[in-house]
Amino acid sequence: MMNEVTQIDKIALAMPEISSWKVGARELVRAFFPNAEIQINKDIIKDILIINISSQSDTLIFSADLLGKNIQKKSYDIKRPIVSKKFKGFFYRFLSGLTKRSLPWGCLTGIKPVKIIQELLDDNGHDWDRAKQSFQTKYCVSKEKTDLAIHIAKVEAPFIDLEAHHKVSVYIGIPICPAKCAYCSFVSTIADKKGKLCADYLDVLLHEIDRFSVLFEKHDLIIDTLYIGGGTPSVLTEDQIQKLLKFLTDKFDLSHLREFTFEAGRPETTTLRKLEILHDYHVNRICLNPQSMNDSTLQAVGRLHSAEDIRRKFSMIKEVGFESVNMDLIVGLNDETPKMFFSSLEQVIALHPENLTVHSLAIKKGSRLREENGCGLHQLYSKQFYDEISKRLANNGYYPYYLYRQKYAQGNGENIGYCLSGKEGVYNILMMAEKQTIIGIGAGATGKIYHSESDRFDKVYTVKDLRTYNQRATEIIDKKLSAYSQSFKAH
């Protein structure tokens, strides 16, 4: 019967109408049954796996029926109220017993497991051993993933300045691309051949930068890191990039920057002159993201370049003299076999970039892959496969320095940033730690206002649609400035 359970492709959940429980239940069922169709509180069909969830007094009850026969029932003593975190812990244990398997990240489905380590450190008097034990037992996380999270938390710690309330990081978004990749779920706009879209957007973006420069000066803010991301920022022309960087230099005090990153992710949009301009304006970290070094995969997912293009642009970046280069690879693109992925990995390692980020493919709403294939995954990878990735990187001097997870990721895995010694990506660490205010400028740029006194943050959103941003710029910028201003006045 257990073999039948693991092969189930339709699952019905009958459970209380508690929003947080329903979200957690769906995420955990998806983790155990990555390709199953999931229904919650709909008409129950008898020939599928039915899981009933109920609570009575101080007891939480789970029951599973297959083909009209009960195959497992468990009850757990509880203390009310049952918060989402505790519910997921109980439900994880039930599903683990039902399938006779465990998940490396246990009941954790959130994107920032390392942040939980940091919170447990605070709760346990900064005792690493107690935080580690609490993390592993409370969330049913494997020893390997616990050790990984602890290692990254220790790497991140020196980069986080809890006393620097006047420091902020700035993200500037360019949500424009030359083409849309099949796996991409970001809201971005395809550049028009005449270049009008980029020109119009840049004008409005410079206006927002100007408005924020007044805010920075008024509150004596220090810009700690600056990240220009996308979309594809290198879709801008050489003159437009120079105009943007000169304006930033004129309007912002960039003399205290620890890191200045520019995403030149697509080689077909990156020229020697663009790189020289970036270097002249003291950009010190470049992202060049192949995603795969297999040409058949690149073509299948809509990338407009070859592996050889990546190699040529990497050499060009190094010849110009940038201190740090990040390169991304995605596990699971086009159902690549492990052999194909390791071919990509070895080719990138041979280039020896300072940062190498390995992503687990997440088929998300808004991507062409999701629209065509749903969120199912056809090529599932083993624990040994992921262990081999870490081993090969470690053998070449790379260690993990930041980590985040995504819902419905390939193999219930994670995205891990690796680096050579002393080459950590500071902005990435600060984004995951959420201990510093991040100011988002531009369409689709989300900011985070950090409140140190309560150790929490509020998000500040910008409308994602580029044309709406252009048309309603004054209203949108006013609203954002008001949110940030209120926070800095409080300090």
Protein backbone atom coordinates (compact mmCIF):
# COMPACT_ATOMS: atom_id res chain seq x y z
CA MET A 1 0.00 0.00 0.00
CA MET A 2 2.88 2.39 0.69
CA ASN A 3 4.11 2.04 -2.88
CA GLU A 4 0.64 3.01 -4.07
CA VAL A 5 0.76 6.12 -1.89
CA THR A 6 4.05 7.33 -3.34
CA GLN A 7 2.65 7.01 -6.88
CA ILE A 8 -0.54 8.98 -6.18
CA ASP A 9 -1.24 11.78 -8.68
CA LYS A 10 -4.42 13.23 -7.14
CA ILE A 11 -4.85 14.23 -3.51
CA ALA A 12 -7.85 15.76 -1.77
CA LEU A 13 -7.55 17.66 1.51
CA ALA A 14 -10.60 18.03 3.72
CA MET A 15 -9.68 20.49 6.45
CA PRO A 16 -10.73 23.55 8.46
CA GLU A 17 -11.11 26.84 6.59
CA ILE A 18 -8.03 28.40 8.19
CA SER A 19 -6.03 30.26 5.57
CA SER A 20 -2.56 29.76 7.07
CA TRP A 21 -3.23 26.04 7.60
CA LYS A 22 -4.38 25.62 4.01
CA VAL A 23 -1.28 27.33 2.64
CA GLY A 24 1.03 25.24 4.81
CA ALA A 25 -0.81 22.01 4.00
CA ARG A 26 -0.62 22.61 0.26
CA GLU A 27 3.10 23.40 0.43
CA LEU A 28 3.90 20.26 2.43
CA VAL A 29 1.77 17.97 0.26
CA ARG A 30 3.49 19.43 -2.81
CA ALA A 31 6.88 18.72 -1.23
CA PHE A 32 6.03 15.05 -0.59
CA PHE A 33 4.09 14.58 -3.84
CA PRO A 34 5.75 17.01 -6.33
CA ASN A 35 3.63 16.02 -9.34
CA ALA A 36 0.25 15.42 -7.69
CA GLU A 37 -2.89 17.44 -8.39
CA ILE A 38 -4.08 18.89 -5.07
CA GLN A 39 -7.66 19.81 -4.17
CA ILE A 40 -8.68 21.47 -0.91
CA ASN A 41 -12.26 21.28 0.39
CA LYS A 42 -13.76 20.47 -3.00
CA ASP A 43 -16.07 17.65 -3.98
CA ILE A 44 -14.24 14.52 -2.86
CA ILE A 45 -13.68 11.79 -5.44
CA LYS A 46 -13.30 8.33 -3.94
CA ASP A 47 -10.53 7.01 -6.20
CA ILE A 48 -7.89 9.44 -4.99
CA LEU A 49 -5.93 9.85 -1.77
CA ILE A 50 -8.09 11.72 0.74
CA ILE A 51 -6.51 13.37 3.78
CA ASN A 52 -8.85 14.58 6.50
CA ILE A 53 -7.65 17.16 9.02
CA SER A 54 -9.69 18.11 12.07
CA SER A 55 -9.27 19.29 15.64
CA GLN A 56 -11.24 18.34 18.71
CA SER A 57 -10.64 19.99 22.08
CA ASP A 58 -6.89 19.63 22.62
CA THR A 59 -6.30 17.06 19.85
CA LEU A 60 -5.27 17.49 16.20
CA ILE A 61 -6.37 14.55 14.04
CA PHE A 62 -5.06 13.45 10.63
CA SER A 63 -6.48 10.57 8.62
CA ALA A 64 -5.67 9.20 5.14
CA ASP A 65 -8.00 7.09 3.01
CA LEU A 66 -7.10 5.40 -0.28
CA LEU A 67 -9.67 3.60 -2.42
CA GLY A 68 -12.16 3.79 0.41
CA LYS A 69 -9.81 2.20 2.93
CA ASN A 70 -8.17 3.99 5.85
CA ILE A 71 -4.40 3.56 5.60
CA GLN A 72 -3.23 5.84 8.39
CA LYS A 73 -4.64 7.82 11.28
CA LYS A 74 -2.72 9.88 13.81
CA SER A 75 -3.69 12.26 16.60
CA TYR A 76 -1.48 14.77 18.39
CA ASP A 77 -1.96 16.52 21.71
CA ILE A 78 -1.93 20.27 21.21
CA LYS A 79 -2.03 23.54 23.08
CA ARG A 80 -4.25 26.21 21.61
CA PRO A 81 -3.99 28.39 19.68
CA ILE A 82 -2.36 26.25 16.98
CA VAL A 83 -0.24 28.65 14.99
CA SER A 84 0.72 27.83 11.41
CA LYS A 85 4.26 26.82 12.40
CA LYS A 86 3.05 24.20 14.88
CA PHE A 87 0.35 22.92 12.52
CA LYS A 88 2.95 22.34 9.81
CA GLY A 89 5.16 20.46 12.27
CA PHE A 90 2.36 18.02 13.13
CA PHE A 91 1.25 17.63 9.51
CA TYR A 92 4.84 17.01 8.41
CA ARG A 93 5.16 14.15 10.90
CA PHE A 94 1.92 12.63 9.62
CA LEU A 95 2.98 12.84 5.95
CA SER A 96 6.43 11.50 6.76
CA GLY A 97 4.82 8.47 8.40
CA LEU A 98 2.38 8.05 5.53
CA THR A 99 5.06 8.07 2.82
CA LYS A 100 7.83 6.45 4.88
CA ARG A 101 10.22 9.22 3.94
CA SER A 102 11.56 12.47 5.31
CA LEU A 103 12.42 15.79 3.67
CA PRO A 104 15.86 17.39 4.09
CA TRP A 105 14.30 20.69 5.20
CA GLY A 106 11.63 19.02 7.33
CA CYS A 107 8.48 21.09 7.69
CA LEU A 108 10.17 24.31 6.57
CA THR A 109 8.63 25.74 3.40
CA GLY A 110 9.67 29.38 3.84
CA ILE A 111 12.39 31.01 1.82
CA LYS A 112 14.83 32.06 4.58
CA PRO A 113 15.87 29.15 6.83
CA VAL A 114 19.10 30.91 7.83
CA LYS A 115 17.06 33.77 9.27
CA ILE A 116 15.37 31.24 11.58
CA ILE A 117 18.83 30.24 12.82
CA GLN A 118 19.54 33.89 13.60
CA GLU A 119 16.26 34.18 15.53
CA LEU A 120 17.00 30.99 17.48
CA LEU A 121 20.43 32.40 18.35
CA ASP A 122 18.74 35.43 19.91
CA ASP A 123 16.32 33.17 21.78
CA ASN A 124 19.14 30.97 23.09
CA GLY A 125 21.58 33.60 24.29
CA HIS A 126 23.76 33.32 21.16
CA ASP A 127 24.58 29.72 22.03
CA TRP A 128 25.23 28.09 18.64
CA ASP A 129 24.84 24.52 19.92
CA ARG A 130 21.46 25.22 21.50
CA ALA A 131 20.26 27.09 18.41
CA LYS A 132 21.36 24.19 16.23
CA GLN A 133 19.58 21.61 18.40
CA SER A 134 16.40 23.69 18.51
CA PHE A 135 16.41 24.17 14.73
CA GLN A 136 16.88 20.49 14.03
CA THR A 137 14.29 19.18 16.47
CA LYS A 138 11.60 21.86 16.15
CA TYR A 139 11.50 21.79 12.35
CA CYS A 140 12.57 18.16 11.70
CA VAL A 141 15.48 19.39 9.56
CA SER A 142 18.18 16.88 8.59
CA LYS A 143 21.63 17.11 10.14
CA GLU A 144 23.16 18.02 6.76
CA LYS A 145 20.79 20.94 6.13
CA THR A 146 21.09 22.10 9.74
CA ASP A 147 24.89 22.16 9.42
CA LEU A 148 24.55 24.07 6.13
CA ALA A 149 22.28 26.70 7.67
CA ILE A 150 24.55 27.08 10.71
CA HIS A 151 27.62 27.46 8.48
CA ILE A 152 25.97 30.18 6.39
CA ALA A 153 24.71 32.01 9.49
CA LYS A 154 28.28 32.13 10.78
CA VAL A 155 29.59 33.40 7.42
CA GLU A 156 26.92 36.10 7.27
CA ALA A 157 27.32 37.37 10.85
CA PRO A 158 30.34 39.69 10.30
CA PHE A 159 28.58 41.45 7.41
CA ILE A 160 25.52 42.46 9.45
CA ASP A 161 25.87 45.68 11.43
CA LEU A 162 22.95 45.79 13.87
CA GLU A 163 23.91 49.24 15.20
CA ALA A 164 24.11 51.09 11.87
CA HIS A 165 20.55 52.44 11.67
CA HIS A 166 21.67 55.18 9.28
CA LYS A 167 22.95 52.70 6.68
CA VAL A 168 20.76 51.53 3.81
CA SER A 169 21.15 49.45 0.68
CA VAL A 170 19.65 50.56 -2.62
CA TYR A 171 18.17 48.39 -5.35
CA ILE A 172 17.51 49.98 -8.73
CA GLY A 173 15.28 47.94 -11.01
CA ILE A 174 15.43 47.81 -14.82
CA PRO A 175 12.51 45.42 -15.58
CA ILE A 176 13.21 45.23 -19.31
CA CYS A 177 14.59 42.23 -21.23
CA PRO A 178 15.53 41.47 -24.84
CA ALA A 179 13.36 38.31 -24.64
CA LYS A 180 11.43 36.30 -22.03
CA CYS A 181 12.98 33.05 -20.76
CA ALA A 182 10.66 30.07 -20.43
CA TYR A 183 11.30 29.66 -16.69
CA CYS A 184 11.00 33.36 -15.79
CA SER A 185 8.06 34.48 -13.64
CA PHE A 186 9.23 38.07 -13.08
CA VAL A 187 7.12 40.87 -14.47
CA SER A 188 9.36 42.31 -17.14
CA THR A 189 8.76 44.02 -20.46
CA ILE A 190 10.35 43.06 -23.77
CA ALA A 191 12.38 45.92 -25.22
CA ASP A 192 11.10 47.41 -28.47
CA LYS A 193 13.46 47.63 -31.44
CA LYS A 194 13.26 51.43 -31.62
CA GLY A 195 14.36 51.77 -27.96
CA LYS A 196 11.50 54.07 -26.97
CA LEU A 197 10.52 51.93 -23.98
CA CYS A 198 14.01 52.07 -22.45
CA ALA A 199 14.31 55.81 -23.11
CA ASP A 200 10.94 56.66 -21.55
CA TYR A 201 11.58 54.43 -18.53
CA LEU A 202 15.05 55.87 -17.92
CA ASP A 203 13.64 59.41 -17.82
CA VAL A 204 11.15 58.46 -15.09
CA LEU A 205 13.74 56.39 -13.21
CA LEU A 206 16.13 59.36 -13.06
CA HIS A 207 13.29 61.47 -11.70
CA GLU A 208 12.73 58.96 -8.88
CA ILE A 209 16.47 58.84 -8.11
CA ASP A 210 16.47 62.64 -7.87
CA ARG A 211 13.53 62.57 -5.44
CA PHE A 212 15.22 59.95 -3.26
CA SER A 213 18.48 61.91 -3.17
CA VAL A 214 16.63 64.58 -1.18
CA LEU A 215 15.43 61.93 1.29
CA PHE A 216 18.96 60.57 1.75
CA GLU A 217 20.43 64.01 2.39
CA LYS A 218 17.65 65.03 4.78
CA HIS A 219 18.13 61.96 6.98
CA ASP A 220 21.93 61.68 6.65
CA LEU A 221 21.68 58.18 5.21
CA ILE A 222 24.75 56.24 4.15
CA ILE A 223 24.43 53.95 1.14
CA ASP A 224 26.07 50.66 2.09
CA THR A 225 25.52 48.62 -1.09
CA LEU A 226 24.02 49.47 -4.48
CA TYR A 227 22.53 46.87 -6.80
CA ILE A 228 21.26 47.53 -10.33
CA GLY A 229 19.16 44.55 -11.32
CA GLY A 230 16.40 43.47 -13.66
CA GLY A 231 15.14 42.28 -15.94
CA THR A 232 18.31 42.91 -17.88
CA PRO A 233 19.94 46.29 -17.07
CA SER A 234 22.48 45.78 -19.84
CA VAL A 235 19.62 46.11 -22.35
CA LEU A 236 20.20 49.86 -21.97
CA THR A 237 22.45 51.45 -24.59
CA GLU A 238 25.99 52.55 -23.79
CA ASP A 239 24.90 56.19 -23.59
CA GLN A 240 21.93 55.31 -21.36
CA ILE A 241 24.12 53.33 -18.95
CA GLN A 242 26.56 56.22 -18.75
CA LYS A 243 23.70 58.66 -18.18
CA LEU A 244 22.28 56.50 -15.38
CA LEU A 245 25.62 56.03 -13.61
CA LYS A 246 26.61 59.68 -13.91
CA PHE A 247 23.24 60.71 -12.47
CA LEU A 248 23.63 58.27 -9.58
CA THR A 249 27.12 59.59 -8.87
CA ASP A 250 25.95 63.20 -8.98
CA LYS A 251 22.86 62.68 -6.81
CA PHE A 252 23.99 60.04 -4.29
CA ASP A 253 27.03 59.95 -2.03
CA LEU A 254 28.58 56.64 -3.09
CA SER A 255 31.85 57.09 -1.23
CA HIS A 256 30.94 54.57 1.50
CA LEU A 257 29.87 51.70 -0.76
CA ARG A 258 30.98 48.25 0.28
CA GLU A 259 29.70 46.81 -2.98
CA PHE A 260 28.30 48.07 -6.32
CA THR A 261 26.66 45.36 -8.45
CA PHE A 262 25.38 45.50 -12.01
CA GLU A 263 23.50 42.62 -13.64
CA ALA A 264 24.91 42.09 -17.14
CA GLY A 265 23.30 38.68 -17.15
CA ARG A 266 22.87 38.19 -20.89
CA PRO A 267 26.05 38.22 -23.00
CA GLU A 268 24.23 39.39 -26.13
CA THR A 269 23.43 42.74 -24.45
CA THR A 270 26.89 43.30 -22.96
CA THR A 271 29.54 45.15 -24.97
CA LEU A 272 33.13 46.06 -24.18
CA ARG A 273 32.21 49.74 -24.04
CA LYS A 274 29.37 49.10 -21.58
CA LEU A 275 31.78 47.20 -19.33
CA GLU A 276 34.35 50.00 -19.54
CA ILE A 277 31.70 52.56 -18.53
CA LEU A 278 30.63 50.40 -15.56
CA HIS A 279 34.24 50.04 -14.45
CA ASP A 280 34.87 53.79 -14.81
CA TYR A 281 31.98 54.45 -12.41
CA HIS A 282 33.40 52.01 -9.84
CA VAL A 283 30.99 49.09 -10.28
CA ASN A 284 32.97 46.27 -8.67
CA ARG A 285 30.68 43.26 -9.05
CA ILE A 286 29.19 41.99 -12.33
CA CYS A 287 26.59 39.26 -12.80
CA LEU A 288 26.97 37.17 -15.96
CA ASN A 289 24.39 34.39 -15.81
CA PRO A 290 24.61 31.47 -18.24
CA GLN A 291 21.92 29.36 -16.44
CA SER A 292 23.29 26.41 -18.46
CA MET A 293 26.38 25.81 -20.58
CA ASN A 294 24.55 23.34 -22.83
CA ASP A 295 23.51 25.02 -26.08
CA SER A 296 20.49 22.76 -26.60
CA THR A 297 19.12 23.79 -23.20
CA LEU A 298 19.76 27.48 -23.80
CA GLN A 299 17.86 27.31 -27.06
CA ALA A 300 14.98 25.37 -25.50
CA VAL A 301 14.39 27.92 -22.72
CA GLY A 302 14.64 30.99 -24.94
CA ARG A 303 18.13 32.24 -24.18
CA LEU A 304 19.62 34.12 -27.12
CA HIS A 305 23.25 33.12 -26.59
CA SER A 306 25.59 30.13 -26.62
CA ALA A 307 28.02 28.76 -24.05
CA GLU A 308 30.87 30.16 -26.16
CA ASP A 309 29.30 33.63 -25.90
CA ILE A 310 29.47 33.30 -22.10
CA ARG A 311 33.15 32.34 -22.21
CA ARG A 312 34.00 35.28 -24.45
CA LYS A 313 32.11 37.80 -22.29
CA PHE A 314 33.65 36.41 -19.10
CA SER A 315 37.14 36.97 -20.55
CA MET A 316 36.12 40.49 -21.55
CA ILE A 317 34.83 41.25 -18.03
CA LYS A 318 38.11 40.09 -16.50
CA GLU A 319 40.19 42.04 -19.02
CA VAL A 320 38.34 45.23 -18.05
CA GLY A 321 39.31 44.54 -14.43
CA PHE A 322 36.22 43.83 -12.31
CA GLU A 323 36.91 42.56 -8.79
CA SER A 324 34.07 40.04 -8.62
CA VAL A 325 31.89 38.12 -11.07
CA ASN A 326 28.79 36.12 -10.20
CA MET A 327 27.53 33.34 -12.47
CA ASP A 328 24.21 31.49 -12.09
CA LEU A 329 23.31 27.92 -13.00
CA ILE A 330 19.81 26.42 -12.74
CA VAL A 331 19.30 22.75 -11.88
CA GLY A 332 16.46 21.18 -13.89
CA LEU A 333 16.25 23.36 -17.00
CA ASN A 334 14.83 21.43 -19.94
CA ASP A 335 14.92 18.23 -17.84
CA GLU A 336 18.71 18.12 -18.06
CA THR A 337 20.32 14.90 -16.89
CA PRO A 338 22.81 15.04 -14.01
CA LYS A 339 25.61 14.50 -16.56
CA MET A 340 24.48 17.57 -18.52
CA PHE A 341 24.33 19.72 -15.40
CA PHE A 342 27.78 18.63 -14.25
CA SER A 343 29.12 19.53 -17.68
CA SER A 344 27.81 23.08 -17.13
CA LEU A 345 29.19 23.18 -13.60
CA GLU A 346 32.67 22.11 -14.67
CA GLN A 347 32.72 24.65 -17.51
CA VAL A 348 31.81 27.48 -15.12
CA ILE A 349 34.24 26.32 -12.43
CA ALA A 350 36.98 26.37 -15.10
CA LEU A 351 36.33 30.11 -15.56
CA HIS A 352 36.82 30.56 -11.79
CA PRO A 353 34.26 33.30 -11.06
CA GLU A 354 34.37 34.72 -7.55
CA ASN A 355 30.66 33.89 -6.97
CA LEU A 356 28.73 30.91 -8.33
CA THR A 357 25.04 30.56 -7.51
CA VAL A 358 23.26 27.22 -8.00
CA HIS A 359 19.48 27.55 -8.29
CA SER A 360 16.89 24.78 -8.05
CA LEU A 361 14.34 25.27 -10.82
CA ALA A 362 11.03 26.53 -9.44
CA ILE A 363 8.15 26.45 -11.91
CA LYS A 364 6.16 29.46 -10.79
CA LYS A 365 3.00 31.25 -11.82
CA GLY A 366 3.65 33.64 -14.67
CA SER A 367 6.33 31.55 -16.40
CA ARG A 368 5.83 29.93 -19.81
CA LEU A 369 6.85 26.58 -18.31
CA ARG A 370 4.02 26.80 -15.78
CA GLU A 371 1.48 27.76 -18.44
CA GLU A 372 2.50 24.89 -20.71
CA ASN A 373 3.31 22.14 -18.22
CA GLY A 374 1.81 23.09 -14.84
CA CYS A 375 4.11 22.96 -11.83
CA GLY A 376 5.05 19.29 -12.23
CA LEU A 377 8.69 18.23 -12.51
CA HIS A 378 9.75 15.40 -14.79
CA GLN A 379 13.43 15.06 -13.92
CA LEU A 380 13.84 14.56 -10.18
CA TYR A 381 17.35 14.60 -8.74
CA SER A 382 18.77 12.54 -5.90
CA LYS A 383 20.41 13.59 -2.66
CA GLN A 384 23.66 12.18 -4.04
CA PHE A 385 23.38 14.55 -7.02
CA TYR A 386 23.13 17.64 -4.81
CA ASP A 387 25.89 16.34 -2.52
CA GLU A 388 28.14 15.97 -5.57
CA ILE A 389 27.52 19.61 -6.53
CA SER A 390 28.68 20.77 -3.10
CA LYS A 391 31.65 18.42 -3.17
CA ARG A 392 32.88 19.61 -6.56
CA LEU A 393 32.56 23.24 -5.57
CA ALA A 394 34.34 22.68 -2.24
CA ASN A 395 37.18 20.88 -4.05
CA ASN A 396 37.64 24.02 -6.15
CA GLY A 397 37.73 26.46 -3.22
CA TYR A 398 34.06 27.52 -3.09
CA TYR A 399 32.00 27.60 0.11
CA PRO A 400 28.32 28.53 0.64
CA TYR A 401 27.72 32.08 1.85
CA TYR A 402 23.99 32.67 1.35
CA LEU A 403 20.90 30.60 0.80
CA TYR A 404 17.22 30.98 0.06
CA ARG A 405 14.43 28.66 -0.96
CA GLN A 406 11.45 28.91 -3.30
CA LYS A 407 8.09 27.20 -3.25
CA TYR A 408 7.76 24.25 -5.61
CA ALA A 409 11.51 24.12 -6.20
CA GLN A 410 13.14 21.18 -7.92
CA GLY A 411 13.72 18.41 -5.36
CA ASN A 412 12.36 20.57 -2.52
CA GLY A 413 15.79 22.13 -2.70
CA GLU A 414 17.33 25.54 -2.30
CA ASN A 415 19.31 28.23 -4.07
CA ILE A 416 22.84 28.47 -2.71
CA GLY A 417 25.38 31.18 -3.39
CA TYR A 418 28.98 29.92 -3.28
CA CYS A 419 32.06 32.10 -3.22
CA LEU A 420 35.82 32.01 -3.15
CA SER A 421 37.47 33.07 0.09
CA GLY A 422 36.69 36.69 1.01
CA LYS A 423 34.43 37.22 -2.03
CA GLU A 424 30.98 37.10 -0.44
CA GLY A 425 28.21 39.04 -2.17
CA VAL A 426 27.31 41.60 0.50
CA TYR A 427 23.96 42.73 -0.93
CA ASN A 428 22.76 39.12 -1.12
CA ILE A 429 23.63 38.57 2.53
CA LEU A 430 21.83 41.74 3.63
CA MET A 431 18.72 40.84 1.61
CA MET A 432 18.44 37.45 3.27
CA ALA A 433 19.32 38.64 6.79
CA GLU A 434 16.69 41.42 6.72
CA LYS A 435 18.53 43.52 9.29
CA GLN A 436 18.98 46.61 7.15
CA THR A 437 16.60 48.87 5.26
CA ILE A 438 16.63 48.16 1.53
CA ILE A 439 15.31 50.98 -0.65
CA GLY A 440 13.81 49.89 -3.95
CA ILE A 441 13.82 52.40 -6.81
CA GLY A 442 12.11 51.76 -10.15
CA ALA A 443 9.19 49.70 -11.42
CA GLY A 444 8.74 46.42 -9.58
CA ALA A 445 11.42 47.29 -7.00
CA THR A 446 10.35 46.13 -3.53
CA GLY A 447 11.89 47.86 -0.52
CA LYS A 448 12.16 46.65 3.07
CA ILE A 449 12.02 49.07 5.99
CA TYR A 450 13.80 47.52 8.96
CA HIS A 451 12.62 48.38 12.48
CA SER A 452 15.50 47.49 14.78
CA GLU A 453 13.59 48.12 18.02
CA SER A 454 11.11 45.35 17.19
CA ASP A 455 13.32 43.35 14.80
CA ARG A 456 10.74 43.39 12.02
CA PHE A 457 10.39 44.93 8.58
CA ASP A 458 7.68 46.43 6.40
CA LYS A 459 7.69 46.05 2.64
CA VAL A 460 7.29 48.97 0.27
CA TYR A 461 6.05 47.89 -3.14
CA THR A 462 6.32 49.61 -6.50
CA VAL A 463 3.84 48.87 -9.26
CA LYS A 464 5.29 46.16 -11.50
CA ASP A 465 3.85 47.18 -14.84
CA LEU A 466 6.36 49.45 -16.51
CA ARG A 467 3.86 51.50 -18.49
CA THR A 468 1.74 52.13 -15.39
CA TYR A 469 4.88 53.24 -13.56
CA ASN A 470 5.73 55.67 -16.35
CA GLN A 471 2.21 57.12 -16.49
CA ARG A 472 1.62 57.46 -12.73
CA ALA A 473 5.18 58.20 -11.63
CA THR A 474 4.48 61.22 -9.39
CA GLU A 475 1.74 59.47 -7.43
CA ILE A 476 3.76 56.25 -7.06
CA ILE A 477 6.97 58.00 -5.97
CA ASP A 478 5.14 60.26 -3.51
CA LYS A 479 3.61 57.24 -1.82
CA LYS A 480 6.94 55.44 -1.54
CA LEU A 481 8.77 58.48 -0.19
CA SER A 482 6.09 58.95 2.44
CA ALA A 483 6.53 55.37 3.68
CA TYR A 484 10.31 55.66 3.95
CA SER A 485 10.19 59.14 5.48
CA GLN A 486 7.90 58.03 8.29
CA SER A 487 10.32 55.26 9.16
CA PHE A 488 13.40 57.49 9.28
CA LYS A 489 11.56 60.12 11.35
CA ALA A 490 10.86 57.41 13.92
CA HIS A 491 14.60 56.87 14.30
